[in-house]
Amino acid sequence: MISAEKARLIKAVILDIDGVLTDGRVGYGGPELIKFFHYRDGHWLKLAMRAGIMVGLLSGRGSPANRERAAELGITFVRENIHDKLEEFEKILVEYQLKPEECLYIGDDVIDMPVLSRVGIPVAVADGVPELDEVVIYRTKTPGGHGAVCETMRLLLQARGDLDGLLERYRR
């Protein structure tokens, strides 16, 4: 579970894309790669941003779909085609003046383990590889691309004490 103590430290949520914001499948059949993103994940990322949390993407693969979705949501940064995620994560810490414990990261595969090992709140999606259990403190009940980010943002915002205030506008 996500503790209130750790949650209050979080200033940035950093996400892998394929397998976290998408279900990890890739569609071919034309000039463009096809990816599917879950609307609830996007909405709950926006709620996190309203709570003052920066959101960024860190992906081993690049795609116009990634950048389009990030722009639509107002994501702070998108780092694609990254083969050493820990090295890029260290650059992000310097660039945005963050400490590792101020970051929550969600991943799904072994390439994410080095970053998951460094952050304050490491999270794996339900259908992520079992090796991630060595380093995560929470594994979602929902698979990647099907609301796992929504689930995590709800838990984070609740643990921080932000959830009720953010949902007030919907309870009229």
Protein backbone atom coordinates (compact mmCIF):
# COMPACT_ATOMS: atom_id res chain seq x y z
CA MET A 1 0.00 0.00 0.00
CA ILE A 2 1.03 3.61 -0.38
CA SER A 3 1.76 5.25 2.98
CA ALA A 4 0.70 8.80 3.71
CA GLU A 5 4.25 9.61 4.78
CA LYS A 6 5.73 8.58 1.42
CA ALA A 7 2.80 10.00 -0.57
CA ARG A 8 3.21 13.50 0.90
CA LEU A 9 6.79 13.61 -0.44
CA ILE A 10 5.76 12.93 -4.05
CA LYS A 11 6.33 15.83 -6.45
CA ALA A 12 6.54 13.82 -9.68
CA VAL A 13 4.85 10.78 -11.20
CA ILE A 14 6.91 9.15 -13.94
CA LEU A 15 5.40 6.47 -16.13
CA ASP A 16 6.57 3.91 -18.60
CA ILE A 17 4.23 3.98 -21.59
CA ASP A 18 3.94 0.58 -23.28
CA GLY A 19 2.44 -1.86 -20.81
CA VAL A 20 1.52 0.90 -18.33
CA LEU A 21 -0.43 3.61 -20.19
CA THR A 22 -1.18 1.06 -22.92
CA ASP A 23 -1.79 -2.67 -22.65
CA GLY A 24 1.59 -3.29 -24.24
CA ARG A 25 0.23 -4.39 -27.60
CA VAL A 26 1.25 -2.65 -30.80
CA GLY A 27 -0.93 -2.51 -33.91
CA TYR A 28 0.50 -2.52 -37.41
CA GLY A 29 -1.31 -2.35 -40.71
CA GLY A 30 -0.59 1.09 -42.07
CA PRO A 31 2.00 3.80 -41.95
CA GLU A 32 1.36 4.62 -38.29
CA LEU A 33 1.72 2.49 -35.20
CA ILE A 34 -1.59 2.13 -33.34
CA LYS A 35 -1.78 2.35 -29.55
CA PHE A 36 -4.74 2.51 -27.21
CA PHE A 37 -4.74 4.65 -24.07
CA HIS A 38 -7.36 4.43 -21.33
CA TYR A 39 -9.38 7.63 -20.77
CA ARG A 40 -9.60 7.16 -17.01
CA ASP A 41 -5.82 7.00 -16.75
CA GLY A 42 -5.61 10.36 -18.49
CA HIS A 43 -8.29 11.95 -16.32
CA TRP A 44 -6.66 10.80 -13.10
CA LEU A 45 -3.27 12.05 -14.28
CA LYS A 46 -4.91 15.45 -14.77
CA LEU A 47 -6.29 15.23 -11.22
CA ALA A 48 -2.77 14.55 -9.97
CA MET A 49 -1.53 17.58 -11.90
CA ARG A 50 -4.28 19.69 -10.28
CA ALA A 51 -2.83 18.56 -6.94
CA GLY A 52 0.52 20.05 -8.00
CA ILE A 53 2.19 16.80 -9.05
CA MET A 54 4.37 16.87 -12.16
CA VAL A 55 3.78 14.01 -14.62
CA GLY A 56 6.37 12.70 -17.05
CA LEU A 57 6.84 9.77 -19.41
CA LEU A 58 9.96 7.62 -19.75
CA SER A 59 9.80 5.05 -22.56
CA GLY A 60 12.16 2.70 -24.31
CA ARG A 61 10.19 3.17 -27.50
CA GLY A 62 9.19 6.30 -29.41
CA SER A 63 5.90 6.92 -31.16
CA PRO A 64 3.89 9.90 -32.43
CA ALA A 65 0.96 8.43 -30.44
CA ASN A 66 2.97 8.85 -27.23
CA ARG A 67 3.69 12.49 -27.94
CA GLU A 68 0.13 13.22 -29.04
CA ARG A 69 -1.34 11.74 -25.86
CA ALA A 70 1.21 13.56 -23.72
CA ALA A 71 0.41 16.89 -25.39
CA GLU A 72 -3.31 16.29 -24.97
CA LEU A 73 -2.85 15.72 -21.23
CA GLY A 74 -0.32 18.51 -20.64
CA ILE A 75 2.40 16.10 -19.51
CA THR A 76 5.56 17.96 -18.38
CA PHE A 77 8.11 15.82 -20.20
CA VAL A 78 8.32 12.88 -22.60
CA ARG A 79 11.57 10.94 -22.88
CA GLU A 80 11.44 8.29 -25.63
CA ASN A 81 13.82 5.77 -27.17
CA ILE A 82 15.58 5.50 -23.82
CA HIS A 83 17.66 2.35 -23.46
CA ASP A 84 19.15 3.20 -20.05
CA LYS A 85 16.19 4.42 -18.02
CA LEU A 86 18.21 4.92 -14.84
CA GLU A 87 20.66 7.24 -16.59
CA GLU A 88 17.75 9.25 -18.02
CA PHE A 89 16.00 9.27 -14.64
CA GLU A 90 19.13 10.76 -13.05
CA LYS A 91 19.07 13.53 -15.70
CA ILE A 92 15.40 14.19 -14.92
CA LEU A 93 16.22 14.54 -11.21
CA VAL A 94 18.82 17.19 -11.99
CA GLU A 95 16.73 19.02 -14.59
CA TYR A 96 13.64 19.27 -12.38
CA GLN A 97 15.50 19.55 -9.06
CA LEU A 98 13.92 16.41 -7.65
CA LYS A 99 15.09 13.85 -5.13
CA PRO A 100 14.45 10.16 -5.86
CA GLU A 101 12.10 9.87 -2.86
CA GLU A 102 9.95 12.64 -4.39
CA CYS A 103 9.10 10.41 -7.37
CA LEU A 104 6.55 7.68 -7.97
CA TYR A 105 7.31 5.42 -10.93
CA ILE A 106 5.05 2.85 -12.59
CA GLY A 107 6.59 0.10 -14.70
CA ASP A 108 5.81 -3.28 -16.18
CA ASP A 109 9.06 -4.97 -17.23
CA VAL A 110 12.63 -5.63 -16.12
CA ILE A 111 13.91 -2.54 -17.99
CA ASP A 112 12.05 -0.52 -15.34
CA MET A 113 13.72 -2.21 -12.34
CA PRO A 114 16.68 0.19 -11.98
CA VAL A 115 14.37 3.22 -11.75
CA LEU A 116 11.87 1.38 -9.55
CA SER A 117 14.75 0.60 -7.18
CA ARG A 118 15.55 4.33 -6.78
CA VAL A 119 12.18 6.06 -6.39
CA GLY A 120 10.17 6.76 -3.24
CA ILE A 121 7.11 4.88 -4.45
CA PRO A 122 7.80 2.07 -6.94
CA VAL A 123 4.68 0.55 -8.53
CA ALA A 124 4.17 -2.36 -10.94
CA VAL A 125 1.04 -2.93 -13.01
CA ALA A 126 -0.94 -6.11 -12.33
CA ASP A 127 0.29 -7.85 -15.47
CA GLY A 128 3.89 -6.73 -15.15
CA VAL A 129 6.63 -9.33 -14.96
CA PRO A 130 6.97 -11.12 -11.59
CA GLU A 131 10.59 -9.98 -11.17
CA LEU A 132 9.29 -6.49 -10.31
CA ASP A 133 8.03 -7.81 -6.98
CA GLU A 134 11.66 -7.64 -5.82
CA VAL A 135 11.58 -3.83 -5.93
CA VAL A 136 7.99 -2.53 -5.85
CA ILE A 137 5.92 -1.63 -2.81
CA TYR A 138 2.63 -1.86 -4.69
CA ARG A 139 1.31 -3.95 -7.58
CA THR A 140 -1.95 -2.68 -9.07
CA LYS A 141 -5.03 -4.85 -9.24
CA THR A 142 -5.69 -3.46 -12.73
CA PRO A 143 -3.57 -4.39 -15.77
CA GLY A 144 -1.56 -1.85 -17.72
CA GLY A 145 -3.61 0.08 -20.27
CA HIS A 146 -6.84 -0.77 -18.47
CA GLY A 147 -6.85 1.73 -15.61
CA ALA A 148 -3.72 0.82 -13.62
CA VAL A 149 -2.59 4.45 -13.66
CA CYS A 150 -6.05 5.59 -12.54
CA GLU A 151 -5.91 3.10 -9.66
CA THR A 152 -2.47 4.30 -8.59
CA MET A 153 -3.34 8.01 -8.82
CA ARG A 154 -6.47 7.42 -6.71
CA LEU A 155 -4.37 5.69 -4.01
CA LEU A 156 -1.68 8.39 -4.15
CA LEU A 157 -4.14 11.28 -3.95
CA GLN A 158 -6.05 9.59 -1.14
CA ALA A 159 -2.85 8.94 0.85
CA ARG A 160 -1.80 12.58 0.39
CA GLY A 161 -5.19 13.81 1.59
CA ASP A 162 -5.97 15.51 -1.75
CA LEU A 163 -8.69 13.22 -3.07
CA ASP A 164 -11.82 14.67 -1.43
CA GLY A 165 -10.94 18.22 -2.43
CA LEU A 166 -10.23 17.22 -6.03
CA LEU A 167 -13.50 15.29 -6.32
CA GLU A 168 -15.63 18.05 -4.78
CA ARG A 169 -16.34 19.61 -8.18
CA TYR A 170 -17.89 16.31 -9.37
CA ARG A 171 -20.13 15.88 -6.32
CA ARG A 172 -22.38 18.86 -6.90
